[in-house]
Amino acid sequence: MSIFWLLMVISFILIKRGLSIFNDVAKTMGMFMLEKALGPAIDFVQGKPGSASKTWILHGMIWAMVASILTFEGLWLSHDPTALHSLGSWGYSPDSQDLIYAGRFAALFGAVGMMVIGAGLHVIPSLSGTKLASESNATLVSLLWTFSVLILVIGAHSKEILGINFIMLGTVLQTLAMMAIILNQLLTISNATRPMAIPGWLIIFGLIGDPAAVLSVILSGAYETGVGQWLVYHMIGGTFFFCGVAGVSLYASSMGSGNPLWSRTLVGVTLFGAIIAINPMGETDMSMAVDMLGLEASEIAASSQDHISGSFLMALAAIPIIAFSSNLLVTLRGNGAFVGNSDSPGIAEMNMGAWMLIPIAIGSLFVQTDALGGAGELSGIAQSLDLLALWAVLIPLSLGASLYVLPQASGRKVMSSNRSRAAFWLMSGGAVAGLTFTIMADLNDMALAEALAENSSSITDELRTLGSVVFYGTVLGSIFHCTNVISGQFRGEMIDDEMQSSTTLTPQTYELANSATVRKIMAGGATLDTEIVPVTQSEEAGSATEL
């Protein structure tokens, strides 16, 4: 962890101070690599403002639909293994674990990853007061990222095809795309006309944290140990996914609701805590990180010191998690905006994700602490809890932020607010209820295994059947969202330019009715540029309201 912290500090210093006399040379070379070095390929995409963000988010929406279908099929095969037996004549005979594994790749890197990166391509330039360094490159790279996710999904079914390790190939392509996005965002920050707000730093450190986590484990030599593989899995989850989702959702919650961020201090706590602590959410099985890095899987054999320090850092993650959740919820509270208001899309999704974050994180803390200690008593619910964190926290938060950012980037609203409302209830109800039933079935299996029962209980099969049927609502909701958003790009209502810039992360005016200290005014989100407006109060007695 110390190497990871050092790399993040060095990254922050280089971003703030640059490369001294090499700044101009580095910027020129960076722009050359993003555009001219690609040759004729760069001419196949459009470079108008917002095109990159729009492309990434639309791809993410499609992958969310694919991920929900794969996950549903995996949940169904867990109680009916022969449901897809007819596909065996085509040479396709997946089992439940293959489909759930493929669904995790599609959901994490396809849906969440692409929506977070897409929203970040709009948020960073907006907070920096400039344009994206290269819209053309970012748009082109989205195709490379989508292709890499497709390869990862195929590799989840069969890791090696024709002697080629598909998961490693997908990882290499994804790394190239990630480096291009990081370079693009860093060049954008270098042209900033104003200091960037902290939500922007969450996005930047989320992007940088992915390669930094891998590099730190390689430099420490711990990549061959089970603890090192477990650590890199959770460091990537705490930076790229948690920081990225937190950054875009905090921005969208403020801009979408029209309220300033409740506390900028809590945003800083979220950023600092996410880097220092170990995020507990995720699987206890590190096979995804092991397969992507091409390593040999090792069992977790943590020493007592590793167990104590790891458990402490995971418990410490409760601070940034609670800070982020509370900050987001109070920021959304201002005007009671809901998904039915077409001017505030995604509010309901972000609200749900913030509410579900804390209980799921607490449950994940117990599961991960149990796994790190080598007991494995709670490993039976690890996979279902990981799916619940994915579909009840990460996807709603990234989807909610994208539903706000996409109309701002493309200039068109979603096609139907009613369909958006129906999609929200289907996705949220299907994910929470369906996966809760699945966790109940897992707990029942754990109890039977502890009692050394020879035969499985019929209740378990019934719960798994009920869970998979209810989760089908998530499939329908993702399809509704995807078609609603894509249709909106062609037939949705146009957004006025005035509406796109009507709100900021800080209040433009601050109404002052009574005497107040400067500290209280600044705590309310005001800055040095905020206009203080005195509000007079009438001393006249009120009268009855006429009906």
Protein backbone atom coordinates (compact mmCIF):
# COMPACT_ATOMS: atom_id res chain seq x y z
CA MET A 1 0.00 0.00 0.00
CA SER A 2 2.86 2.40 0.75
CA ILE A 3 4.09 2.19 -2.87
CA PHE A 4 0.56 2.89 -4.09
CA TRP A 5 0.26 5.92 -1.81
CA LEU A 6 3.64 7.21 -3.02
CA LEU A 7 2.62 6.84 -6.68
CA MET A 8 -0.61 8.76 -6.07
CA VAL A 9 1.26 11.59 -4.30
CA ILE A 10 3.77 11.81 -7.14
CA SER A 11 0.90 11.91 -9.64
CA PHE A 12 -0.76 14.77 -7.76
CA ILE A 13 2.47 16.79 -7.63
CA LEU A 14 3.12 16.29 -11.34
CA ILE A 15 -0.44 17.31 -12.23
CA LYS A 16 -0.24 20.47 -10.13
CA ARG A 17 3.31 21.55 -10.99
CA GLY A 18 3.86 19.97 -14.37
CA LEU A 19 7.23 19.02 -15.84
CA SER A 20 8.85 22.44 -15.55
CA ILE A 21 10.72 23.31 -18.77
CA PHE A 22 9.40 20.16 -20.48
CA ASN A 23 5.74 21.19 -20.18
CA ASP A 24 5.36 22.55 -23.71
CA VAL A 25 7.23 19.63 -25.24
CA ALA A 26 5.14 17.10 -23.31
CA LYS A 27 1.85 18.78 -24.29
CA THR A 28 2.83 18.94 -27.95
CA MET A 29 3.92 15.31 -27.99
CA GLY A 30 0.76 14.30 -26.15
CA MET A 31 -1.52 15.98 -28.68
CA PHE A 32 0.49 14.41 -31.51
CA MET A 33 0.02 10.94 -30.00
CA LEU A 34 -3.72 11.51 -29.55
CA GLU A 35 -4.46 12.72 -33.07
CA LYS A 36 -1.76 12.88 -35.75
CA ALA A 37 -0.05 9.62 -34.77
CA LEU A 38 -3.26 7.67 -35.44
CA GLY A 39 -3.15 8.56 -39.12
CA PRO A 40 -6.31 8.18 -41.22
CA ALA A 41 -8.18 6.40 -38.39
CA ILE A 42 -8.85 9.71 -36.63
CA ASP A 43 -10.85 10.93 -39.64
CA PHE A 44 -13.49 8.24 -39.18
CA VAL A 45 -14.97 9.93 -36.08
CA GLN A 46 -16.43 13.35 -35.50
CA GLY A 47 -14.76 15.77 -33.13
CA LYS A 48 -17.57 18.17 -32.28
CA PRO A 49 -18.02 19.07 -28.57
CA GLY A 50 -19.80 16.41 -26.54
CA SER A 51 -19.45 13.64 -29.12
CA ALA A 52 -16.95 11.64 -27.04
CA SER A 53 -19.02 11.76 -23.86
CA LYS A 54 -22.17 10.82 -25.78
CA THR A 55 -20.50 7.84 -27.48
CA TRP A 56 -19.04 6.42 -24.27
CA ILE A 57 -22.33 6.74 -22.36
CA LEU A 58 -24.40 5.15 -25.13
CA HIS A 59 -21.98 2.22 -25.28
CA GLY A 60 -22.25 1.92 -21.49
CA MET A 61 -26.04 1.80 -21.71
CA ILE A 62 -25.88 -1.02 -24.23
CA TRP A 63 -23.42 -2.96 -22.08
CA ALA A 64 -25.72 -2.53 -19.05
CA MET A 65 -28.44 -4.27 -21.04
CA VAL A 66 -26.06 -7.08 -22.08
CA ALA A 67 -24.78 -7.47 -18.51
CA SER A 68 -28.29 -7.78 -17.09
CA ILE A 69 -29.15 -10.50 -19.62
CA LEU A 70 -25.98 -12.49 -18.87
CA THR A 71 -26.48 -12.16 -15.11
CA PHE A 72 -30.13 -13.22 -15.36
CA GLU A 73 -29.16 -16.30 -17.37
CA GLY A 74 -26.48 -17.15 -14.81
CA LEU A 75 -28.94 -16.86 -11.92
CA TRP A 76 -31.46 -19.01 -13.79
CA LEU A 77 -28.97 -21.77 -14.57
CA SER A 78 -28.06 -21.94 -10.87
CA HIS A 79 -31.38 -23.75 -10.26
CA ASP A 80 -32.05 -25.06 -13.80
CA PRO A 81 -28.68 -26.15 -15.29
CA THR A 82 -30.21 -27.54 -18.50
CA ALA A 83 -32.20 -24.43 -19.47
CA LEU A 84 -29.80 -23.59 -22.32
CA HIS A 85 -29.04 -27.19 -23.23
CA SER A 86 -30.42 -26.72 -26.76
CA LEU A 87 -27.59 -24.28 -27.55
CA GLY A 88 -25.13 -27.15 -27.21
CA SER A 89 -25.81 -28.10 -30.83
CA TRP A 90 -24.10 -24.83 -31.77
CA GLY A 91 -21.16 -25.58 -29.50
CA TYR A 92 -22.27 -23.16 -26.78
CA SER A 93 -22.80 -24.86 -23.42
CA PRO A 94 -22.24 -22.31 -20.64
CA ASP A 95 -22.84 -23.02 -16.98
CA SER A 96 -24.06 -20.63 -14.30
CA GLN A 97 -20.60 -19.47 -13.20
CA ASP A 98 -19.48 -18.74 -16.78
CA LEU A 99 -22.48 -16.50 -17.41
CA ILE A 100 -22.22 -14.67 -14.10
CA TYR A 101 -18.47 -14.16 -14.68
CA ALA A 102 -19.16 -12.78 -18.17
CA GLY A 103 -21.93 -10.61 -16.74
CA ARG A 104 -19.50 -9.12 -14.21
CA PHE A 105 -17.06 -8.19 -16.98
CA ALA A 106 -19.87 -6.60 -19.00
CA ALA A 107 -21.26 -4.76 -15.98
CA LEU A 108 -18.00 -3.52 -14.44
CA PHE A 109 -15.94 -2.58 -17.47
CA GLY A 110 -18.72 -2.26 -20.04
CA ALA A 111 -21.54 -0.53 -18.16
CA VAL A 112 -19.98 1.17 -15.11
CA GLY A 113 -16.57 1.79 -16.67
CA MET A 114 -17.84 3.30 -19.91
CA MET A 115 -20.54 5.42 -18.25
CA VAL A 116 -18.08 6.79 -15.67
CA ILE A 117 -15.44 7.58 -18.30
CA GLY A 118 -18.08 9.08 -20.60
CA ALA A 119 -19.47 11.30 -17.86
CA GLY A 120 -15.93 12.27 -16.88
CA LEU A 121 -15.21 13.43 -20.43
CA HIS A 122 -17.94 16.04 -19.89
CA VAL A 123 -17.33 16.82 -16.21
CA ILE A 124 -13.58 17.53 -16.33
CA PRO A 125 -13.77 20.12 -19.15
CA SER A 126 -16.83 21.72 -17.50
CA LEU A 127 -15.09 22.08 -14.14
CA SER A 128 -11.86 23.27 -15.79
CA GLY A 129 -13.55 25.92 -17.93
CA THR A 130 -12.10 24.54 -21.15
CA LYS A 131 -12.74 22.00 -23.91
CA LEU A 132 -11.68 18.37 -24.04
CA ALA A 133 -8.18 18.13 -25.49
CA SER A 134 -9.20 15.70 -28.25
CA GLU A 135 -12.84 14.79 -28.82
CA SER A 136 -11.88 12.73 -31.88
CA ASN A 137 -9.43 10.53 -30.01
CA ALA A 138 -11.80 9.95 -27.09
CA THR A 139 -14.57 8.95 -29.49
CA LEU A 140 -12.30 6.57 -31.39
CA VAL A 141 -10.95 5.02 -28.18
CA SER A 142 -14.51 4.15 -27.09
CA LEU A 143 -14.61 1.63 -29.94
CA LEU A 144 -11.36 0.08 -28.73
CA TRP A 145 -12.70 -0.16 -25.17
CA THR A 146 -15.96 -1.73 -26.34
CA PHE A 147 -14.00 -4.26 -28.39
CA SER A 148 -11.85 -5.09 -25.35
CA VAL A 149 -14.96 -5.68 -23.20
CA LEU A 150 -16.39 -7.97 -25.90
CA ILE A 151 -13.16 -9.98 -25.85
CA LEU A 152 -13.28 -10.17 -22.03
CA VAL A 153 -16.87 -11.45 -22.14
CA ILE A 154 -15.86 -14.13 -24.66
CA GLY A 155 -12.81 -15.00 -22.56
CA ALA A 156 -15.00 -15.44 -19.49
CA HIS A 157 -16.61 -18.42 -21.25
CA SER A 158 -13.37 -19.88 -22.61
CA LYS A 159 -10.13 -18.29 -21.47
CA GLU A 160 -8.01 -19.66 -24.32
CA ILE A 161 -9.21 -19.90 -27.94
CA LEU A 162 -6.88 -20.99 -30.77
CA GLY A 163 -3.96 -20.69 -28.38
CA ILE A 164 -4.74 -17.04 -27.58
CA ASN A 165 -5.49 -15.95 -24.01
CA PHE A 166 -8.57 -13.82 -24.67
CA ILE A 167 -8.74 -12.25 -21.22
CA MET A 168 -5.10 -11.12 -21.46
CA LEU A 169 -5.75 -9.77 -24.97
CA GLY A 170 -8.77 -7.83 -23.74
CA THR A 171 -6.74 -6.44 -20.85
CA VAL A 172 -3.98 -5.20 -23.17
CA LEU A 173 -6.47 -3.42 -25.43
CA GLN A 174 -8.24 -1.93 -22.43
CA THR A 175 -4.95 -0.68 -21.01
CA LEU A 176 -4.16 1.12 -24.27
CA ALA A 177 -7.59 2.76 -24.20
CA MET A 178 -7.15 3.74 -20.54
CA MET A 179 -3.78 5.36 -21.20
CA ALA A 180 -5.30 7.40 -24.03
CA ILE A 181 -8.15 8.60 -21.78
CA ILE A 182 -5.76 9.52 -18.96
CA LEU A 183 -3.52 11.47 -21.36
CA ASN A 184 -6.55 13.21 -22.85
CA GLN A 185 -7.86 14.28 -19.45
CA LEU A 186 -4.43 15.44 -18.24
CA LEU A 187 -4.02 17.60 -21.35
CA THR A 188 -7.49 19.01 -20.70
CA ILE A 189 -6.52 19.96 -17.14
CA SER A 190 -3.33 21.62 -18.39
CA ASN A 191 -5.50 24.06 -20.38
CA ALA A 192 -7.80 24.84 -17.44
CA THR A 193 -8.89 28.46 -17.03
CA ARG A 194 -9.98 28.03 -13.39
CA PRO A 195 -9.17 25.73 -10.46
CA MET A 196 -10.94 22.39 -10.78
CA ALA A 197 -13.46 21.42 -8.08
CA ILE A 198 -12.80 18.32 -5.98
CA PRO A 199 -15.31 16.07 -7.83
CA GLY A 200 -13.01 16.46 -10.84
CA TRP A 201 -10.06 15.26 -8.77
CA LEU A 202 -12.05 12.18 -7.75
CA ILE A 203 -12.46 11.32 -11.43
CA ILE A 204 -8.78 11.95 -12.23
CA PHE A 205 -7.48 9.88 -9.32
CA GLY A 206 -9.96 7.17 -10.22
CA LEU A 207 -8.40 6.94 -13.68
CA ILE A 208 -4.82 7.10 -12.42
CA GLY A 209 -5.50 4.67 -9.57
CA ASP A 210 -6.10 1.74 -11.92
CA PRO A 211 -2.59 1.52 -13.43
CA ALA A 212 -1.03 2.77 -10.18
CA ALA A 213 -2.55 -0.15 -8.24
CA VAL A 214 -1.22 -2.71 -10.70
CA LEU A 215 2.21 -1.07 -10.84
CA SER A 216 2.51 -0.89 -7.05
CA VAL A 217 1.79 -4.61 -6.61
CA ILE A 218 4.29 -5.49 -9.35
CA LEU A 219 7.00 -3.28 -7.82
CA SER A 220 6.42 -4.78 -4.37
CA GLY A 221 6.68 -8.32 -5.76
CA ALA A 222 3.43 -9.32 -4.06
CA TYR A 223 1.64 -10.19 -7.29
CA GLU A 224 2.42 -13.90 -6.87
CA THR A 225 0.88 -14.10 -3.39
CA GLY A 226 -2.80 -14.48 -2.59
CA VAL A 227 -2.78 -11.36 -0.41
CA GLY A 228 -1.21 -9.28 -3.18
CA GLN A 229 -3.77 -10.48 -5.73
CA TRP A 230 -6.60 -9.77 -3.29
CA LEU A 231 -5.14 -6.31 -2.60
CA VAL A 232 -4.82 -5.22 -6.24
CA TYR A 233 -8.41 -6.31 -6.88
CA HIS A 234 -9.71 -4.09 -4.07
CA MET A 235 -7.38 -1.16 -4.81
CA ILE A 236 -8.75 -0.96 -8.35
CA GLY A 237 -12.27 -1.20 -6.94
CA GLY A 238 -11.58 1.64 -4.50
CA THR A 239 -10.03 3.98 -7.05
CA PHE A 240 -11.27 3.46 -10.60
CA PHE A 241 -14.79 2.37 -9.65
CA PHE A 242 -15.49 4.08 -6.31
CA CYS A 243 -13.65 7.36 -6.96
CA GLY A 244 -14.93 7.56 -10.52
CA VAL A 245 -18.54 6.88 -9.55
CA ALA A 246 -18.31 9.29 -6.61
CA GLY A 247 -16.89 12.09 -8.77
CA VAL A 248 -19.48 11.96 -11.55
CA SER A 249 -22.44 11.39 -9.20
CA LEU A 250 -21.50 14.30 -6.91
CA TYR A 251 -21.25 16.57 -9.94
CA ALA A 252 -24.55 15.33 -11.39
CA SER A 253 -26.35 15.55 -8.04
CA SER A 254 -25.42 19.21 -7.65
CA MET A 255 -26.03 20.24 -11.24
CA GLY A 256 -29.15 18.12 -11.68
CA SER A 257 -30.85 19.23 -8.46
CA GLY A 258 -29.70 22.85 -8.74
CA ASN A 259 -28.23 22.75 -5.23
CA PRO A 260 -24.61 23.42 -4.26
CA LEU A 261 -22.70 20.51 -2.78
CA TRP A 262 -23.68 20.22 0.87
CA SER A 263 -20.08 19.97 2.06
CA ARG A 264 -16.90 20.38 0.07
CA THR A 265 -14.99 19.12 3.11
CA LEU A 266 -16.76 15.76 2.86
CA VAL A 267 -15.79 15.56 -0.82
CA GLY A 268 -12.17 15.94 0.25
CA VAL A 269 -12.65 13.28 2.93
CA THR A 270 -14.10 10.97 0.27
CA LEU A 271 -11.09 11.49 -1.99
CA PHE A 272 -8.44 11.13 0.72
CA GLY A 273 -10.17 8.19 2.40
CA ALA A 274 -10.68 6.29 -0.85
CA ILE A 275 -6.94 6.44 -1.56
CA ILE A 276 -5.81 5.61 1.98
CA ALA A 277 -8.31 2.84 2.80
CA ILE A 278 -9.12 -0.51 1.18
CA ASN A 279 -12.61 -0.66 -0.29
CA PRO A 280 -14.32 -3.81 1.07
CA MET A 281 -16.89 -4.21 -1.72
CA GLY A 282 -16.22 -6.96 -4.24
CA GLU A 283 -15.75 -10.70 -4.50
CA THR A 284 -13.56 -12.76 -2.17
CA ASP A 285 -12.47 -14.71 -5.25
CA MET A 286 -9.68 -12.78 -7.06
CA SER A 287 -10.03 -14.74 -10.30
CA MET A 288 -10.96 -11.63 -12.29
CA ALA A 289 -7.78 -9.76 -11.34
CA VAL A 290 -5.69 -12.92 -11.71
CA ASP A 291 -7.03 -13.70 -15.18
CA MET A 292 -6.67 -10.12 -16.42
CA LEU A 293 -3.05 -9.89 -15.25
CA GLY A 294 -2.17 -13.37 -16.51
CA LEU A 295 -1.12 -14.65 -13.08
CA GLU A 296 -1.33 -18.01 -11.37
CA ALA A 297 -4.04 -17.96 -8.72
CA SER A 298 -2.84 -18.33 -5.13
CA GLU A 299 -4.79 -18.91 -1.95
CA ILE A 300 -5.03 -16.13 0.61
CA ALA A 301 -2.54 -17.00 3.34
CA ALA A 302 -2.47 -13.79 5.33
CA SER A 303 -0.23 -13.42 8.35
CA SER A 304 -1.65 -12.01 11.57
CA GLN A 305 -0.10 -8.63 10.70
CA ASP A 306 -1.66 -8.68 7.22
CA HIS A 307 -5.02 -9.63 8.71
CA ILE A 308 -4.96 -6.84 11.29
CA SER A 309 -3.74 -4.13 8.90
CA GLY A 310 -6.10 -5.23 6.12
CA SER A 311 -9.10 -5.35 8.43
CA PHE A 312 -8.21 -1.93 9.83
CA LEU A 313 -7.89 -0.34 6.39
CA MET A 314 -11.18 -1.90 5.28
CA ALA A 315 -12.91 -0.60 8.42
CA LEU A 316 -11.34 2.79 7.70
CA ALA A 317 -13.11 2.79 4.33
CA ALA A 318 -16.37 3.38 6.21
CA ILE A 319 -15.34 7.04 6.62
CA PRO A 320 -15.19 7.96 2.89
CA ILE A 321 -18.21 5.75 2.15
CA ILE A 322 -20.40 7.46 4.77
CA ALA A 323 -19.02 10.88 3.79
CA PHE A 324 -19.89 10.32 0.14
CA SER A 325 -23.32 8.84 0.80
CA SER A 326 -24.42 11.55 3.23
CA ASN A 327 -23.06 14.36 1.06
CA LEU A 328 -24.88 13.04 -2.00
CA LEU A 329 -28.19 12.51 -0.19
CA VAL A 330 -28.26 15.95 1.43
CA THR A 331 -27.27 17.62 -1.85
CA LEU A 332 -30.18 15.90 -3.61
CA ARG A 333 -32.61 16.90 -0.88
CA GLY A 334 -32.88 20.55 -1.89
CA ASN A 335 -35.81 20.81 -4.29
CA GLY A 336 -37.24 17.29 -4.11
CA ALA A 337 -36.39 16.57 -7.76
CA PHE A 338 -37.43 13.12 -8.97
CA VAL A 339 -37.13 11.11 -12.13
CA GLY A 340 -40.57 12.31 -13.22
CA ASN A 341 -39.07 15.77 -13.73
CA SER A 342 -37.49 15.57 -17.16
CA ASP A 343 -35.18 18.45 -16.29
CA SER A 344 -33.59 16.35 -13.51
CA PRO A 345 -32.92 12.89 -14.99
CA GLY A 346 -31.05 10.32 -12.94
CA ILE A 347 -31.91 11.79 -9.53
CA ALA A 348 -33.84 8.69 -8.42
CA GLU A 349 -31.04 6.33 -9.48
CA MET A 350 -28.40 8.31 -7.58
CA ASN A 351 -30.65 8.53 -4.53
CA MET A 352 -31.11 4.77 -4.50
CA GLY A 353 -27.40 4.06 -4.95
CA ALA A 354 -26.48 6.37 -2.07
CA TRP A 355 -29.02 4.72 0.24
CA MET A 356 -27.87 1.18 -0.59
CA LEU A 357 -24.15 1.97 -0.37
CA ILE A 358 -23.70 1.93 3.41
CA PRO A 359 -25.53 -1.33 4.31
CA ILE A 360 -23.91 -3.21 1.44
CA ALA A 361 -20.47 -1.87 2.38
CA ILE A 362 -20.97 -3.02 5.98
CA GLY A 363 -21.99 -6.49 4.82
CA SER A 364 -19.00 -6.63 2.47
CA LEU A 365 -16.69 -5.65 5.34
CA PHE A 366 -17.70 -8.72 7.35
CA VAL A 367 -17.36 -11.02 4.32
CA GLN A 368 -13.93 -9.69 3.31
CA THR A 369 -12.58 -9.74 6.87
CA ASP A 370 -13.72 -13.34 7.17
CA ALA A 371 -12.01 -14.23 3.87
CA LEU A 372 -8.77 -12.42 4.75
CA GLY A 373 -8.60 -14.26 8.05
CA GLY A 374 -8.85 -17.60 6.24
CA ALA A 375 -12.07 -18.72 7.93
CA GLY A 376 -14.26 -18.65 4.84
CA GLU A 377 -17.46 -19.04 6.85
CA LEU A 378 -19.22 -16.29 4.88
CA SER A 379 -17.83 -17.14 1.45
CA GLY A 380 -21.16 -18.63 0.43
CA ILE A 381 -22.82 -15.21 0.14
CA ALA A 382 -19.79 -13.39 -1.33
CA GLN A 383 -20.84 -13.73 -4.97
CA SER A 384 -24.46 -12.68 -4.40
CA LEU A 385 -23.39 -9.74 -2.22
CA ASP A 386 -20.95 -8.66 -4.93
CA LEU A 387 -23.77 -8.75 -7.50
CA LEU A 388 -25.96 -6.72 -5.13
CA ALA A 389 -23.22 -4.09 -4.76
CA LEU A 390 -22.87 -3.98 -8.53
CA TRP A 391 -26.57 -3.71 -9.42
CA ALA A 392 -27.82 -1.73 -6.41
CA VAL A 393 -24.91 0.72 -5.97
CA LEU A 394 -22.40 1.05 -8.81
CA ILE A 395 -24.75 0.79 -11.78
CA PRO A 396 -27.50 3.06 -10.31
CA LEU A 397 -24.95 5.75 -9.39
CA SER A 398 -23.13 5.66 -12.73
CA LEU A 399 -26.43 5.39 -14.63
CA GLY A 400 -27.95 8.29 -12.72
CA ALA A 401 -24.95 10.52 -13.43
CA SER A 402 -24.98 9.52 -17.10
CA LEU A 403 -28.70 10.28 -17.43
CA TYR A 404 -27.93 13.86 -16.40
CA VAL A 405 -24.67 14.28 -18.34
CA LEU A 406 -25.87 12.80 -21.65
CA PRO A 407 -28.52 15.49 -22.37
CA GLN A 408 -25.97 18.19 -21.51
CA ALA A 409 -23.41 16.68 -23.87
CA SER A 410 -25.76 15.85 -26.75
CA GLY A 411 -28.30 18.65 -26.37
CA ARG A 412 -31.32 16.30 -26.28
CA LYS A 413 -33.38 14.92 -23.40
CA VAL A 414 -34.42 11.31 -22.96
CA MET A 415 -37.38 10.28 -25.09
CA SER A 416 -39.92 9.70 -22.31
CA SER A 417 -39.81 10.57 -18.62
CA ASN A 418 -42.58 8.02 -17.95
CA ARG A 419 -40.53 5.22 -19.48
CA SER A 420 -37.54 6.41 -17.46
CA ARG A 421 -39.62 6.19 -14.29
CA ALA A 422 -40.80 2.68 -15.15
CA ALA A 423 -37.24 1.61 -15.96
CA PHE A 424 -36.03 2.88 -12.58
CA TRP A 425 -38.59 0.88 -10.62
CA LEU A 426 -37.99 -2.26 -12.67
CA MET A 427 -34.20 -2.08 -12.36
CA SER A 428 -34.10 -1.17 -8.67
CA GLY A 429 -36.87 -3.53 -7.59
CA GLY A 430 -35.56 -6.41 -9.66
CA ALA A 431 -31.97 -6.03 -8.46
CA VAL A 432 -32.64 -5.49 -4.75
CA ALA A 433 -35.47 -8.00 -4.33
CA GLY A 434 -34.11 -10.63 -6.72
CA LEU A 435 -30.60 -10.68 -5.28
CA THR A 436 -31.95 -10.56 -1.71
CA PHE A 437 -33.84 -13.80 -2.41
CA THR A 438 -30.62 -15.25 -3.85
CA ILE A 439 -28.69 -14.31 -0.69
CA MET A 440 -31.40 -16.00 1.39
CA ALA A 441 -30.88 -19.17 -0.67
CA ASP A 442 -27.11 -18.91 -0.12
CA LEU A 443 -27.62 -18.59 3.64
CA ASN A 444 -29.87 -21.65 3.58
CA ASP A 445 -27.19 -23.65 1.74
CA MET A 446 -24.58 -22.52 4.28
CA ALA A 447 -26.79 -23.66 7.15
CA LEU A 448 -27.36 -27.07 5.53
CA ALA A 449 -23.63 -27.49 4.87
CA GLU A 450 -22.84 -26.67 8.49
CA ALA A 451 -25.42 -29.21 9.63
CA LEU A 452 -23.88 -31.82 7.30
CA ALA A 453 -27.23 -32.39 5.59
CA GLU A 454 -27.08 -34.91 2.76
CA ASN A 455 -29.93 -33.55 0.66
CA SER A 456 -30.54 -29.96 -0.35
CA SER A 457 -33.69 -28.22 0.80
CA SER A 458 -36.53 -27.51 -1.62
CA ILE A 459 -36.76 -24.04 -0.09
CA THR A 460 -33.35 -23.21 -1.56
CA ASP A 461 -34.46 -24.07 -5.09
CA GLU A 462 -37.67 -22.10 -4.64
CA LEU A 463 -35.77 -19.04 -3.40
CA ARG A 464 -33.32 -19.20 -6.30
CA THR A 465 -36.18 -19.55 -8.76
CA LEU A 466 -37.96 -16.59 -7.20
CA GLY A 467 -34.77 -14.53 -7.18
CA SER A 468 -34.01 -15.14 -10.85
CA VAL A 469 -37.62 -14.43 -11.89
CA VAL A 470 -37.66 -11.14 -9.95
CA PHE A 471 -34.24 -10.17 -11.34
CA TYR A 472 -35.80 -10.32 -14.80
CA GLY A 473 -37.24 -6.91 -13.91
CA THR A 474 -33.68 -5.59 -14.05
CA VAL A 475 -33.37 -6.93 -17.58
CA LEU A 476 -36.57 -5.15 -18.62
CA GLY A 477 -35.50 -1.95 -16.87
CA SER A 478 -32.12 -1.90 -18.59
CA ILE A 479 -33.79 -2.45 -21.97
CA PHE A 480 -36.25 0.38 -21.28
CA HIS A 481 -33.43 2.72 -20.24
CA CYS A 482 -31.29 1.82 -23.25
CA THR A 483 -34.04 2.26 -25.84
CA ASN A 484 -35.31 5.42 -24.13
CA VAL A 485 -31.89 7.06 -24.19
CA ILE A 486 -31.05 6.03 -27.75
CA SER A 487 -34.46 7.18 -29.03
CA GLY A 488 -33.95 10.47 -27.24
CA GLN A 489 -30.80 11.13 -29.25
CA PHE A 490 -32.92 11.20 -32.42
CA ARG A 491 -36.36 12.38 -31.31
CA GLY A 492 -35.84 13.82 -27.83
CA GLU A 493 -36.65 17.41 -26.91
CA MET A 494 -33.82 19.88 -27.49
CA ILE A 495 -32.18 21.52 -24.47
CA ASP A 496 -31.69 25.29 -24.47
CA ASP A 497 -28.19 26.63 -23.93
CA GLU A 498 -29.44 28.67 -20.98
CA MET A 499 -30.72 25.54 -19.26
CA GLN A 500 -27.39 23.77 -19.73
CA SER A 501 -25.54 26.38 -17.69
CA SER A 502 -28.24 27.35 -15.21
CA THR A 503 -26.68 25.65 -12.19
CA THR A 504 -23.19 25.42 -10.72
CA LEU A 505 -21.46 23.51 -7.97
CA THR A 506 -21.49 26.70 -5.88
CA PRO A 507 -24.40 29.12 -5.36
CA GLN A 508 -24.32 32.29 -7.45
CA THR A 509 -26.27 34.16 -4.76
CA TYR A 510 -26.63 33.63 -1.01
CA GLU A 511 -29.68 35.05 0.74
CA LEU A 512 -28.85 36.46 4.17
CA ALA A 513 -31.84 37.01 6.46
CA ASN A 514 -30.02 37.30 9.80
CA SER A 515 -26.54 38.06 11.01
CA ALA A 516 -24.09 35.26 10.23
CA THR A 517 -20.37 34.60 10.42
CA VAL A 518 -18.19 34.25 7.35
CA ARG A 519 -17.54 30.63 8.36
CA LYS A 520 -21.28 29.85 8.26
CA ILE A 521 -21.68 31.47 4.85
CA MET A 522 -18.68 29.59 3.42
CA ALA A 523 -19.97 26.33 4.92
CA GLY A 524 -23.17 26.85 2.94
CA GLY A 525 -21.17 26.47 -0.28
CA ALA A 526 -20.53 30.16 -0.99
CA THR A 527 -17.23 31.25 -2.51
CA LEU A 528 -15.45 34.58 -2.91
CA ASP A 529 -17.45 35.17 -6.11
CA THR A 530 -20.86 34.48 -4.53
CA GLU A 531 -23.13 37.52 -4.26
CA ILE A 532 -24.58 38.08 -0.76
CA VAL A 533 -28.20 39.26 -1.00
CA PRO A 534 -29.76 40.70 2.21
CA VAL A 535 -33.37 39.57 2.69
CA THR A 536 -35.65 41.81 4.75
CA GLN A 537 -38.15 40.28 7.15
CA SER A 538 -41.55 41.85 7.82
CA GLU A 539 -42.57 42.42 11.46
CA GLU A 540 -46.31 42.65 10.61
CA ALA A 541 -48.60 40.05 12.11
CA GLY A 542 -49.86 37.42 9.72
CA SER A 543 -53.47 36.78 8.83
CA ALA A 544 -55.57 33.77 7.97
CA THR A 545 -55.09 32.33 4.50
CA GLU A 546 -58.11 32.71 2.24
CA LEU A 547 -59.24 29.45 0.66
